[in-house]
N, C-alpha and C. Protein backbone atom coordinates (compact mmCIF):
# COMPACT_ATOMS: atom_id res chain seq x y z
N MET A 1 1.72 13.20 16.23
CA MET A 1 1.12 12.47 15.16
C MET A 1 2.22 11.88 14.65
N ASP A 2 3.51 12.12 14.87
CA ASP A 2 4.93 11.34 14.51
C ASP A 2 4.75 10.24 15.15
N SER A 3 4.54 10.13 16.38
CA SER A 3 4.59 8.93 17.36
C SER A 3 3.68 8.01 16.72
N LEU A 4 2.45 8.31 16.54
CA LEU A 4 1.69 7.56 16.07
C LEU A 4 1.87 6.94 14.44
N TYR A 5 2.27 7.72 13.76
CA TYR A 5 3.23 7.55 12.57
C TYR A 5 3.94 6.09 12.39
N ASP A 6 4.84 6.39 13.48
CA ASP A 6 5.75 5.43 13.64
C ASP A 6 5.43 4.07 14.08
N GLN A 7 4.27 4.45 14.97
CA GLN A 7 3.65 2.79 15.49
C GLN A 7 3.00 1.97 14.31
N ASP A 8 2.15 2.55 13.57
CA ASP A 8 1.53 1.83 12.78
C ASP A 8 0.89 2.66 11.29
N GLU A 9 2.01 3.76 11.10
CA GLU A 9 1.75 4.75 9.68
C GLU A 9 0.27 5.36 9.88
N LEU A 10 -0.50 5.15 11.28
CA LEU A 10 -1.67 6.18 11.46
C LEU A 10 -2.74 5.44 11.11
N GLN A 11 -2.82 3.89 11.14
CA GLN A 11 -3.92 3.30 10.75
C GLN A 11 -4.55 3.42 11.51
N SER A 12 -4.46 3.04 13.11
CA SER A 12 -5.42 3.31 14.49
C SER A 12 -6.07 4.84 14.39
N LEU A 13 -5.26 5.64 14.05
CA LEU A 13 -5.97 6.84 14.21
C LEU A 13 -6.83 6.90 13.14
N LEU A 14 -6.81 6.34 12.20
CA LEU A 14 -7.66 6.47 10.79
C LEU A 14 -8.99 5.62 11.09
N GLU A 15 -8.82 4.48 11.66
CA GLU A 15 -9.75 3.58 12.20
C GLU A 15 -10.59 4.51 13.36
N GLU A 16 -9.75 5.31 13.78
CA GLU A 16 -10.82 5.96 15.14
C GLU A 16 -11.40 6.98 14.33
N LEU A 17 -11.28 7.31 13.17
CA LEU A 17 -12.04 8.34 12.38
C LEU A 17 -13.07 8.08 11.89
N ALA A 18 -13.06 6.67 11.65
CA ALA A 18 -14.24 5.96 10.59
C ALA A 18 -15.20 6.36 10.91
N TYR A 19 -16.44 6.76 10.33
CA TYR A 19 -17.89 7.15 10.60
C TYR A 19 -18.68 7.30 9.27
N SER A 20 -19.35 5.83 8.78
CA SER A 20 -19.74 5.64 7.64
C SER A 20 -21.17 6.41 7.60
N SER A 21 -21.66 6.50 6.15
CA SER A 21 -23.22 6.72 6.33
C SER A 21 -24.19 5.82 6.53
N GLU A 22 -23.42 4.45 7.05
CA GLU A 22 -24.67 3.73 7.43
C GLU A 22 -24.42 4.19 9.34
N ASP A 23 -23.46 4.51 9.60
CA ASP A 23 -23.21 5.05 11.13
C ASP A 23 -24.02 6.08 11.57
N GLN A 24 -24.16 7.02 10.42
CA GLN A 24 -25.04 8.40 10.39
C GLN A 24 -26.58 8.16 10.46
N ARG A 25 -26.67 7.03 9.79
CA ARG A 25 -28.11 7.01 9.26
C ARG A 25 -29.15 6.26 10.95
N ARG A 26 -27.64 5.53 11.52
CA ARG A 26 -28.20 4.79 12.69
C ARG A 26 -27.88 5.63 13.73
N ASN A 27 -27.73 7.02 13.65
CA ASN A 27 -27.27 7.96 14.67
C ASN A 27 -26.21 7.41 15.73
N ARG A 28 -25.34 6.85 15.51
CA ARG A 28 -24.20 6.26 15.99
C ARG A 28 -23.61 7.10 16.69
N PRO A 29 -22.91 7.30 17.83
CA PRO A 29 -22.11 8.37 18.36
C PRO A 29 -21.02 8.11 17.75
N ASN A 30 -20.34 9.20 18.14
CA ASN A 30 -19.05 9.94 17.77
C ASN A 30 -17.87 8.95 18.23
N PRO A 31 -16.87 8.29 17.25
CA PRO A 31 -16.19 6.85 18.20
C PRO A 31 -15.06 7.21 18.33
N SER A 32 -14.51 8.47 17.68
CA SER A 32 -13.46 9.56 18.28
C SER A 32 -13.54 10.42 19.73
N ARG A 33 -11.97 10.47 20.06
CA ARG A 33 -12.09 11.19 21.28
C ARG A 33 -12.39 12.76 20.80
N LEU A 34 -12.70 13.15 19.98
CA LEU A 34 -12.69 14.77 19.34
C LEU A 34 -13.98 15.03 19.88
N THR A 35 -14.15 16.44 20.29
CA THR A 35 -15.20 16.81 20.65
C THR A 35 -16.31 17.37 19.62
N ILE A 36 -17.12 17.02 19.36
CA ILE A 36 -17.71 17.42 17.72
C ILE A 36 -19.19 18.17 18.05
N ASN A 37 -19.24 19.24 17.64
CA ASN A 37 -20.86 20.12 17.29
C ASN A 37 -21.18 19.84 16.14
N GLY A 38 -22.06 19.65 15.46
CA GLY A 38 -22.60 19.39 14.34
C GLY A 38 -22.42 18.24 13.70
N ASP A 39 -22.18 18.07 12.37
CA ASP A 39 -22.47 16.91 11.64
C ASP A 39 -21.33 16.01 11.84
N VAL A 40 -21.47 14.90 12.85
CA VAL A 40 -20.17 13.86 12.85
C VAL A 40 -19.67 13.76 11.83
N ARG A 41 -20.16 12.90 10.80
CA ARG A 41 -19.85 12.13 9.46
C ARG A 41 -18.80 13.07 8.77
N ASN A 42 -19.32 14.49 8.26
CA ASN A 42 -18.56 15.42 7.81
C ASN A 42 -17.26 15.67 8.47
N ASN A 43 -17.17 16.17 9.81
CA ASN A 43 -16.31 16.36 10.40
C ASN A 43 -15.06 15.78 10.59
N LEU A 44 -15.66 14.18 10.53
CA LEU A 44 -14.69 13.23 10.98
C LEU A 44 -13.84 13.00 9.54
N ALA A 45 -14.98 12.90 8.40
CA ALA A 45 -14.13 12.78 7.02
C ALA A 45 -13.54 13.98 6.88
N SER A 46 -13.36 15.14 7.48
CA SER A 46 -12.36 16.26 6.85
C SER A 46 -11.18 15.69 7.91
N TYR A 47 -11.31 15.53 9.15
CA TYR A 47 -10.49 15.03 9.77
C TYR A 47 -9.21 13.86 9.50
N LYS A 48 -10.09 12.81 8.54
CA LYS A 48 -9.61 11.56 8.30
C LYS A 48 -8.72 11.93 7.10
N ALA A 49 -9.32 13.20 6.22
CA ALA A 49 -8.65 13.27 4.93
C ALA A 49 -7.32 14.17 5.48
N ALA A 50 -7.48 14.79 6.21
CA ALA A 50 -5.92 15.71 7.06
C ALA A 50 -5.00 14.57 7.18
N VAL A 51 -5.41 13.42 8.04
CA VAL A 51 -4.47 12.28 8.50
C VAL A 51 -4.03 11.69 7.25
N GLN A 52 -5.09 11.69 6.13
CA GLN A 52 -4.61 10.69 5.36
C GLN A 52 -3.54 11.58 4.45
N LYS A 53 -3.29 12.96 4.42
CA LYS A 53 -2.67 13.72 3.82
C LYS A 53 -1.18 13.72 4.29
N TYR A 54 -1.53 13.81 5.80
CA TYR A 54 -0.26 13.73 6.44
C TYR A 54 0.40 12.33 6.35
N ALA A 55 0.09 11.65 6.21
CA ALA A 55 0.68 9.69 5.98
C ALA A 55 1.24 10.06 4.81
N ARG A 56 0.57 10.32 3.54
CA ARG A 56 1.19 10.60 2.53
C ARG A 56 2.53 11.09 2.34
N PHE A 57 2.64 12.58 3.04
CA PHE A 57 3.32 13.42 3.05
C PHE A 57 5.02 12.55 3.69
N ARG A 58 4.50 12.09 5.07
CA ARG A 58 5.53 11.33 5.46
C ARG A 58 6.00 9.91 4.93
N GLN A 59 5.21 9.39 4.20
CA GLN A 59 5.88 8.05 2.85
C GLN A 59 6.75 8.76 2.22
N ASP A 60 6.27 9.88 1.29
CA ASP A 60 7.00 10.47 0.72
C ASP A 60 8.32 11.10 1.01
N PHE A 61 8.17 11.55 2.58
CA PHE A 61 9.59 12.28 2.97
C PHE A 61 10.66 11.16 3.01
N GLU A 62 10.02 9.76 3.67
CA GLU A 62 10.89 8.80 4.00
C GLU A 62 11.64 8.09 2.80
N LEU A 63 10.55 8.15 1.86
CA LEU A 63 11.18 7.79 0.44
C LEU A 63 12.11 8.44 -0.44
N GLU A 64 11.67 9.62 -0.02
CA GLU A 64 12.81 10.52 -0.98
C GLU A 64 14.09 10.57 -0.14
N SER A 65 14.36 10.29 1.14
CA SER A 65 15.27 9.86 1.73
C SER A 65 15.87 8.86 1.45
N ALA A 66 15.31 7.95 1.03
CA ALA A 66 16.00 6.71 0.56
C ALA A 66 16.41 6.68 -0.97
N ARG A 67 16.17 7.37 -1.63
CA ARG A 67 16.22 7.76 -2.87
C ARG A 67 17.56 7.00 -3.57
N ILE A 68 17.35 5.93 -4.51
CA ILE A 68 18.46 5.19 -5.15
C ILE A 68 18.57 5.18 -6.52
N GLU A 69 19.26 5.22 -7.38
CA GLU A 69 19.63 4.91 -8.69
C GLU A 69 19.39 3.09 -8.94
N VAL A 70 18.70 2.74 -9.74
CA VAL A 70 18.65 1.33 -10.02
C VAL A 70 19.00 0.96 -11.41
N SER A 71 19.56 -0.03 -11.86
CA SER A 71 19.88 -0.45 -13.05
C SER A 71 18.88 -1.93 -13.22
N THR A 72 19.13 -2.45 -14.67
CA THR A 72 18.56 -3.56 -14.74
C THR A 72 18.62 -4.55 -13.65
N PRO A 73 17.61 -5.29 -13.27
CA PRO A 73 18.01 -6.52 -12.11
C PRO A 73 19.27 -7.48 -12.45
N ALA A 74 19.97 -7.65 -11.27
CA ALA A 74 20.61 -8.96 -11.60
C ALA A 74 19.92 -10.19 -11.78
N SER A 75 20.30 -11.41 -12.58
CA SER A 75 19.64 -12.87 -13.19
C SER A 75 19.03 -13.12 -11.90
N ASP A 76 19.41 -13.20 -10.58
CA ASP A 76 19.21 -14.02 -9.77
C ASP A 76 18.10 -13.01 -8.56
N ALA A 77 18.02 -11.93 -9.27
CA ALA A 77 16.77 -11.04 -8.45
C ALA A 77 15.59 -10.69 -9.21
N VAL A 78 14.32 -10.76 -8.53
CA VAL A 78 13.23 -10.68 -8.92
C VAL A 78 12.95 -9.77 -9.72
N ASP A 79 12.85 -10.35 -11.13
CA ASP A 79 12.83 -9.51 -12.11
C ASP A 79 11.76 -8.82 -12.86
N LEU A 80 11.14 -7.74 -12.00
CA LEU A 80 9.76 -7.16 -12.12
C LEU A 80 10.11 -6.23 -13.43
N LEU A 81 10.99 -5.40 -13.48
CA LEU A 81 11.29 -4.73 -14.73
C LEU A 81 12.34 -4.78 -15.33
N ALA A 82 12.44 -4.42 -16.52
CA ALA A 82 13.93 -4.78 -17.11
C ALA A 82 14.01 -3.42 -18.53
N GLU A 83 13.66 -2.35 -17.97
CA GLU A 83 13.63 -1.32 -19.00
C GLU A 83 15.21 -0.47 -18.86
N GLY A 84 16.13 -1.17 -18.65
CA GLY A 84 17.20 -0.39 -18.09
C GLY A 84 17.27 0.14 -17.01
N ASP A 85 18.24 1.73 -16.80
CA ASP A 85 18.29 2.46 -15.43
C ASP A 85 16.93 3.04 -15.20
N ARG A 86 16.24 2.69 -13.87
CA ARG A 86 15.53 3.29 -13.50
C ARG A 86 15.76 4.01 -11.89
N THR A 87 14.81 4.69 -11.75
CA THR A 87 15.02 5.22 -10.08
C THR A 87 13.94 5.33 -9.83
N PHE A 88 13.65 4.65 -8.66
CA PHE A 88 12.40 4.29 -7.79
C PHE A 88 12.67 5.38 -6.29
N SER A 89 12.62 6.27 -6.37
CA SER A 89 12.80 7.07 -5.30
C SER A 89 11.26 7.16 -4.55
N MET A 90 10.16 6.89 -5.04
CA MET A 90 8.91 7.14 -4.74
C MET A 90 8.15 5.84 -4.80
N GLU A 91 7.35 5.39 -4.00
CA GLU A 91 6.27 4.31 -4.47
C GLU A 91 5.15 4.38 -5.48
N ARG A 92 5.06 5.58 -5.75
CA ARG A 92 4.35 5.94 -7.31
C ARG A 92 5.09 5.55 -8.34
N ASP A 93 6.63 5.64 -8.42
CA ASP A 93 7.37 5.02 -9.57
C ASP A 93 7.40 3.84 -9.74
N LEU A 94 7.34 2.92 -8.31
CA LEU A 94 7.41 1.48 -8.73
C LEU A 94 6.09 1.36 -8.82
N GLN A 95 4.59 1.83 -8.69
CA GLN A 95 3.45 1.53 -8.77
C GLN A 95 3.44 1.82 -10.42
N ALA A 96 4.11 3.01 -10.97
CA ALA A 96 3.46 3.23 -12.22
C ALA A 96 3.93 2.16 -13.22
N ALA A 97 5.74 1.90 -12.88
CA ALA A 97 6.38 0.99 -13.61
C ALA A 97 5.77 -0.68 -13.76
N LEU A 98 4.98 -1.33 -12.37
CA LEU A 98 4.48 -2.17 -12.06
C LEU A 98 3.14 -2.48 -13.17
N ARG A 99 2.23 -1.29 -13.14
CA ARG A 99 1.28 -1.14 -13.99
C ARG A 99 1.63 -1.61 -15.50
N LYS A 100 2.57 -1.58 -16.02
CA LYS A 100 2.89 -1.53 -17.12
C LYS A 100 3.48 -3.10 -17.70
N GLU A 101 3.71 -3.44 -16.65
CA GLU A 101 4.63 -4.85 -16.38
C GLU A 101 3.40 -6.15 -15.64
N ILE A 102 2.58 -5.62 -15.23
CA ILE A 102 1.88 -6.50 -14.19
C ILE A 102 1.92 -7.72 -14.38
N SER A 103 2.30 -8.67 -15.63
CA SER A 103 2.12 -9.79 -15.89
C SER A 103 3.77 -10.33 -15.50
N GLN A 104 4.26 -9.46 -15.18
CA GLN A 104 5.79 -10.20 -14.95
C GLN A 104 5.50 -10.26 -13.38
N LEU A 105 4.78 -9.88 -12.67
CA LEU A 105 4.27 -10.25 -11.49
C LEU A 105 3.95 -11.50 -11.19
N GLU A 106 2.95 -11.58 -11.76
CA GLU A 106 2.44 -13.17 -12.04
C GLU A 106 1.71 -13.13 -13.11
N ALA A 107 1.93 -14.13 -13.73
CA ALA A 107 1.28 -14.62 -15.44
C ALA A 107 -0.28 -14.60 -15.29
N GLY A 108 -1.06 -13.86 -16.05
CA GLY A 108 -2.38 -13.75 -16.13
C GLY A 108 -3.27 -12.76 -15.37
N LEU A 109 -2.11 -11.69 -14.32
CA LEU A 109 -2.79 -10.72 -13.51
C LEU A 109 -3.40 -9.90 -14.69
N VAL A 110 -4.59 -9.15 -13.96
CA VAL A 110 -4.99 -7.95 -15.34
C VAL A 110 -5.36 -6.82 -14.33
N ILE A 111 -5.10 -5.78 -14.61
CA ILE A 111 -5.32 -4.48 -13.48
C ILE A 111 -6.78 -4.41 -13.41
N ALA A 112 -7.46 -4.21 -12.41
CA ALA A 112 -8.88 -4.04 -12.13
C ALA A 112 -9.51 -2.78 -11.66
N ASP A 113 -8.57 -1.60 -11.95
CA ASP A 113 -9.06 -0.28 -10.81
C ASP A 113 -9.22 0.73 -11.62
N GLY A 114 -9.34 0.43 -13.28
CA GLY A 114 -9.57 1.48 -13.79
C GLY A 114 -7.93 1.94 -14.08
N GLY A 115 -6.78 1.59 -13.97
CA GLY A 115 -5.96 2.47 -13.69
C GLY A 115 -5.48 3.28 -12.67
N ALA A 116 -6.24 3.70 -11.52
CA ALA A 116 -5.89 4.40 -10.43
C ALA A 116 -5.94 3.60 -9.29
N GLU A 117 -5.41 4.03 -7.90
CA GLU A 117 -5.35 3.77 -6.79
C GLU A 117 -7.16 3.75 -6.52
N LYS A 118 -7.51 2.62 -6.00
CA LYS A 118 -8.92 2.16 -5.53
C LYS A 118 -8.81 2.77 -4.07
N ALA A 119 -10.14 3.75 -3.74
CA ALA A 119 -10.08 4.41 -2.69
C ALA A 119 -10.94 3.12 -1.55
N VAL A 120 -10.81 2.82 -0.49
CA VAL A 120 -11.57 1.80 0.30
C VAL A 120 -11.89 2.34 1.48
N ALA A 121 -12.27 1.83 2.45
CA ALA A 121 -12.28 2.19 3.76
C ALA A 121 -11.45 2.65 4.41
N SER A 122 -10.11 1.66 4.73
CA SER A 122 -8.81 1.55 5.17
C SER A 122 -7.62 2.47 4.28
N GLY A 123 -8.19 2.81 3.29
CA GLY A 123 -7.19 3.85 2.79
C GLY A 123 -7.36 3.96 1.17
N ARG A 124 -6.04 3.77 0.29
CA ARG A 124 -6.03 4.09 -1.03
C ARG A 124 -5.38 2.23 -1.34
N ILE A 125 -5.98 1.44 -2.39
CA ILE A 125 -4.87 0.42 -2.65
C ILE A 125 -3.89 0.73 -4.13
N ASP A 126 -2.86 0.30 -3.74
CA ASP A 126 -2.00 0.88 -4.70
C ASP A 126 -2.26 0.22 -5.93
N ILE A 127 -2.39 -1.30 -6.03
CA ILE A 127 -2.69 -1.78 -7.08
C ILE A 127 -4.04 -3.01 -6.98
N LEU A 128 -5.14 -2.88 -7.77
CA LEU A 128 -5.98 -3.88 -7.75
C LEU A 128 -6.03 -4.29 -8.87
N ALA A 129 -5.81 -6.20 -8.77
CA ALA A 129 -6.06 -6.71 -9.89
C ALA A 129 -6.97 -7.99 -9.90
N LYS A 130 -7.12 -8.85 -11.04
CA LYS A 130 -7.43 -10.06 -10.74
C LYS A 130 -6.91 -11.15 -11.39
N ASP A 131 -7.09 -11.92 -10.86
CA ASP A 131 -5.88 -13.48 -11.59
C ASP A 131 -6.96 -14.38 -12.37
N PRO A 132 -6.41 -15.24 -13.03
CA PRO A 132 -7.25 -16.18 -14.08
C PRO A 132 -8.06 -16.52 -13.56
N SER A 133 -8.05 -16.94 -12.31
CA SER A 133 -9.14 -17.77 -11.46
C SER A 133 -10.68 -16.81 -10.94
N GLY A 134 -10.30 -15.69 -11.51
CA GLY A 134 -11.50 -14.32 -11.30
C GLY A 134 -10.93 -13.89 -9.67
N ALA A 135 -10.29 -14.32 -9.01
CA ALA A 135 -10.31 -13.77 -7.46
C ALA A 135 -9.42 -12.38 -7.92
N TRP A 136 -9.94 -11.68 -6.74
CA TRP A 136 -9.48 -10.40 -6.34
C TRP A 136 -7.67 -10.48 -6.17
N VAL A 137 -7.19 -9.45 -6.53
CA VAL A 137 -5.56 -9.65 -5.90
C VAL A 137 -5.14 -7.96 -5.43
N VAL A 138 -5.17 -7.94 -4.35
CA VAL A 138 -4.55 -6.58 -3.93
C VAL A 138 -3.13 -6.73 -3.54
N ILE A 139 -2.74 -5.42 -4.18
CA ILE A 139 -0.95 -5.26 -4.38
C ILE A 139 -0.81 -4.22 -3.61
N GLU A 140 0.02 -4.36 -2.59
CA GLU A 140 0.60 -3.13 -1.89
C GLU A 140 2.16 -3.29 -2.17
N LEU A 141 2.58 -1.63 -2.20
CA LEU A 141 4.05 -1.58 -2.53
C LEU A 141 4.85 -0.60 -1.68
N LYS A 142 6.05 -1.25 -1.12
CA LYS A 142 7.01 -0.64 -0.36
C LYS A 142 7.82 -0.03 -1.09
N ALA A 143 8.69 0.85 -1.05
CA ALA A 143 10.03 1.27 -1.77
C ALA A 143 11.01 0.98 -0.94
N VAL A 144 10.81 0.94 0.59
CA VAL A 144 11.74 0.59 1.30
C VAL A 144 11.41 -0.37 2.31
N LYS A 145 12.05 -1.00 2.98
CA LYS A 145 12.11 -2.35 4.22
C LYS A 145 10.31 -2.18 4.45
N ALA A 146 9.97 -3.17 4.42
CA ALA A 146 8.43 -3.33 4.73
C ALA A 146 8.38 -3.70 6.04
N PRO A 147 7.71 -3.06 6.94
CA PRO A 147 7.50 -3.53 8.32
C PRO A 147 6.21 -4.29 8.60
N ARG A 148 6.36 -4.83 10.04
CA ARG A 148 4.99 -5.65 9.89
C ARG A 148 3.78 -5.03 9.91
N ASP A 149 3.49 -3.73 10.24
CA ASP A 149 2.23 -3.10 9.70
C ASP A 149 2.07 -3.07 8.41
N ALA A 150 3.00 -3.39 7.27
CA ALA A 150 2.40 -3.32 6.07
C ALA A 150 1.73 -4.54 5.91
N VAL A 151 2.06 -5.78 6.58
CA VAL A 151 0.92 -6.97 6.09
C VAL A 151 -0.44 -6.32 6.73
N ALA A 152 -0.42 -5.93 7.93
CA ALA A 152 -1.53 -5.61 8.34
C ALA A 152 -2.47 -4.68 7.69
N GLN A 153 -1.64 -3.63 7.16
CA GLN A 153 -2.21 -2.68 6.18
C GLN A 153 -2.73 -3.50 4.84
N LEU A 154 -2.23 -4.35 4.64
CA LEU A 154 -2.35 -5.28 3.27
C LEU A 154 -3.75 -6.06 3.61
N LEU A 155 -3.93 -6.80 4.80
CA LEU A 155 -5.15 -7.10 5.66
C LEU A 155 -6.01 -6.32 5.39
N ALA A 156 -6.06 -5.12 6.00
CA ALA A 156 -7.37 -4.26 5.78
C ALA A 156 -7.86 -4.10 4.67
N TYR A 157 -6.55 -3.80 3.18
CA TYR A 157 -7.51 -3.76 2.32
C TYR A 157 -7.90 -5.01 1.69
N MET A 158 -7.58 -5.83 1.82
CA MET A 158 -8.21 -7.30 1.45
C MET A 158 -9.74 -7.05 2.27
N GLY A 159 -9.71 -7.31 3.35
CA GLY A 159 -11.15 -7.15 3.99
C GLY A 159 -11.96 -6.25 3.35
N ASP A 160 -11.49 -5.17 3.08
CA ASP A 160 -12.40 -4.00 2.53
C ASP A 160 -13.07 -4.49 1.10
N ILE A 161 -12.26 -5.18 0.47
CA ILE A 161 -12.83 -5.61 -0.96
C ILE A 161 -13.54 -6.75 -0.63
N LEU A 162 -13.34 -7.91 0.07
CA LEU A 162 -14.32 -8.84 0.61
C LEU A 162 -15.44 -8.38 0.90
N ALA A 163 -15.82 -7.39 1.78
CA ALA A 163 -16.99 -6.67 2.20
C ALA A 163 -17.53 -6.39 1.19
N GLU A 164 -16.95 -5.55 0.08
CA GLU A 164 -17.58 -5.09 -0.71
C GLU A 164 -18.26 -5.98 -1.77
N THR A 165 -17.38 -7.06 -2.37
CA THR A 165 -17.47 -7.76 -3.47
C THR A 165 -18.13 -9.17 -2.97
N ASN A 166 -17.79 -9.46 -1.75
CA ASN A 166 -18.02 -10.88 -1.10
C ASN A 166 -17.34 -12.02 -2.04
N GLU A 167 -16.53 -11.91 -2.69
CA GLU A 167 -15.94 -12.45 -3.84
C GLU A 167 -14.49 -13.28 -3.36
N SER A 168 -13.51 -14.12 -3.62
CA SER A 168 -12.33 -14.67 -3.52
C SER A 168 -11.52 -13.27 -3.58
N VAL A 169 -10.63 -13.03 -2.30
CA VAL A 169 -9.72 -11.87 -2.31
C VAL A 169 -8.05 -12.81 -1.83
N ARG A 170 -7.15 -12.33 -2.38
CA ARG A 170 -5.43 -12.57 -2.02
C ARG A 170 -4.64 -11.43 -2.13
N GLY A 171 -3.79 -11.37 -1.36
CA GLY A 171 -3.07 -10.21 -1.10
C GLY A 171 -1.07 -10.53 -1.47
N ILE A 172 -0.58 -9.36 -2.15
CA ILE A 172 0.42 -9.53 -2.55
C ILE A 172 1.22 -8.15 -1.98
N LEU A 173 2.18 -8.59 -0.89
CA LEU A 173 3.18 -7.15 -0.34
C LEU A 173 4.49 -7.37 -1.28
N ILE A 174 4.77 -6.08 -1.98
CA ILE A 174 5.99 -5.95 -2.61
C ILE A 174 7.07 -4.98 -1.93
N ALA A 175 8.21 -5.22 -1.80
CA ALA A 175 9.30 -4.67 -1.23
C ALA A 175 10.39 -4.99 -1.25
N PRO A 176 11.69 -3.90 -1.19
CA PRO A 176 13.19 -4.63 -1.45
C PRO A 176 13.06 -5.67 -0.10
N ASP A 177 12.83 -5.30 1.06
CA ASP A 177 13.18 -6.22 2.17
C ASP A 177 12.11 -6.30 2.96
N PHE A 178 11.99 -7.07 3.99
CA PHE A 178 11.23 -7.50 5.05
C PHE A 178 11.47 -7.56 6.08
N ASP A 179 11.00 -6.67 7.20
CA ASP A 179 10.85 -6.81 8.56
C ASP A 179 11.08 -8.24 9.01
N ALA A 180 11.57 -8.91 9.99
CA ALA A 180 11.42 -10.43 10.42
C ALA A 180 10.01 -10.69 10.89
N ARG A 181 9.24 -9.63 11.49
CA ARG A 181 7.92 -9.54 12.20
C ARG A 181 6.79 -9.52 10.89
N ALA A 182 7.20 -8.78 10.08
CA ALA A 182 6.30 -9.10 8.59
C ALA A 182 6.69 -10.33 7.92
N LEU A 183 7.71 -11.08 8.01
CA LEU A 183 7.65 -12.28 7.55
C LEU A 183 6.88 -13.06 8.39
N SER A 184 7.11 -12.77 9.71
CA SER A 184 6.44 -14.24 10.78
C SER A 184 4.76 -13.86 10.34
N ALA A 185 4.33 -12.47 10.05
CA ALA A 185 2.93 -12.08 10.14
C ALA A 185 2.46 -12.92 9.08
N ALA A 186 3.36 -13.01 7.69
CA ALA A 186 2.69 -13.04 6.48
C ALA A 186 2.58 -14.95 6.58
N ARG A 187 3.30 -15.28 7.48
CA ARG A 187 3.53 -16.76 7.43
C ARG A 187 2.52 -17.72 7.45
N VAL A 188 1.39 -17.56 8.56
CA VAL A 188 0.12 -17.49 8.89
C VAL A 188 -0.94 -17.00 8.30
N VAL A 189 -0.68 -16.40 7.30
CA VAL A 189 -1.98 -16.09 6.33
C VAL A 189 -1.44 -16.36 4.86
N PRO A 190 -1.99 -17.82 4.75
CA PRO A 190 -2.01 -18.39 3.21
C PRO A 190 -2.16 -17.21 1.98
N SER A 191 -3.44 -16.48 2.19
CA SER A 191 -3.71 -16.07 0.93
C SER A 191 -2.49 -14.58 0.81
N VAL A 192 -2.01 -14.69 1.50
CA VAL A 192 -0.88 -13.18 1.50
C VAL A 192 0.46 -13.91 1.01
N LYS A 193 1.16 -12.72 0.02
CA LYS A 193 2.13 -13.73 -0.35
C LYS A 193 3.17 -12.27 -0.55
N LEU A 194 4.57 -12.46 -0.05
CA LEU A 194 5.48 -11.43 -0.33
C LEU A 194 6.55 -11.58 -1.38
N VAL A 195 6.65 -10.74 -1.98
CA VAL A 195 7.78 -10.74 -3.29
C VAL A 195 8.91 -9.60 -3.02
N SER A 196 10.13 -9.88 -3.39
CA SER A 196 10.76 -8.70 -3.21
C SER A 196 11.45 -8.36 -4.68
N TYR A 197 11.94 -7.02 -5.13
CA TYR A 197 12.24 -6.92 -5.70
C TYR A 197 13.64 -6.53 -5.92
N GLY A 198 15.01 -6.79 -6.87
CA GLY A 198 15.83 -6.48 -6.79
C GLY A 198 16.43 -5.54 -7.61
N PHE A 199 17.73 -4.93 -7.19
CA PHE A 199 18.54 -4.20 -8.36
C PHE A 199 19.64 -4.02 -7.87
N ARG A 200 20.58 -3.42 -8.55
CA ARG A 200 22.28 -3.15 -8.42
C ARG A 200 22.34 -1.43 -8.86
N PHE A 201 23.27 -1.18 -7.99
CA PHE A 201 23.62 0.03 -8.11
C PHE A 201 24.32 0.36 -9.33
N SER A 202 24.60 1.84 -10.17
CA SER A 202 25.23 1.40 -11.12
C SER A 202 26.05 3.17 -10.91
N PHE A 203 27.00 2.99 -11.36
CA PHE A 203 27.85 4.13 -10.95
C PHE A 203 28.55 4.76 -12.44
N SER A 204 28.29 6.26 -12.58
CA SER A 204 28.78 6.97 -13.95
C SER A 204 29.70 7.77 -13.48
N PRO A 205 30.89 7.95 -13.44
CA PRO A 205 32.00 9.29 -13.32
C PRO A 205 31.72 10.25 -14.09
N LEU A 206 31.70 11.62 -13.51
CA LEU A 206 31.17 12.85 -13.72
C LEU A 206 32.48 13.42 -14.72
N ALA A 207 32.18 13.93 -15.81
CA ALA A 207 33.41 14.80 -16.54
C ALA A 207 33.94 15.55 -15.26
N ALA A 208 35.29 16.01 -15.41
CA ALA A 208 35.93 16.95 -14.77
C ALA A 208 35.36 18.59 -15.17
């Protein structure tokens, strides 16, 4: 599991475990390498939920290891938030803060997921919004340096929304920094935008 997570954050394994109600209706064969006796869809759904839970555990562990104390962004940084010192130790902290100030990311953006992550076939979308033109905007957040696979993850979510709505969709990947391969991957996808957020460390001496 750890080696698969290091490759693509378990996305390929989750895809292998995907089995929809339509697949069940058409009596399609088990797409995984697992031997399943009984209801294929229910069994695969259980395995998929367990894998997703482990992926969230790994993400939380890595983000906790990268715990940082942040203060008001410098003037030359991307000013997503300006409410004094904040600690973004987990992606959910960044998500909660951005939901409160979504217009600072782009003027006219409106939250369109009811205030909670939207579940789609490829996983859970951090934030789903709409822009003034009516296009869907899929927002993926990374509290640490975004790897190439983060772009693939964002594209998968965008594909899910396109399949569900058949409406225009674009994506925004937000991270403090980006792997060179992530930059290259996003360069050829006009509907994907990368946004970095900045911070400065603040130091406070403790009383003896």
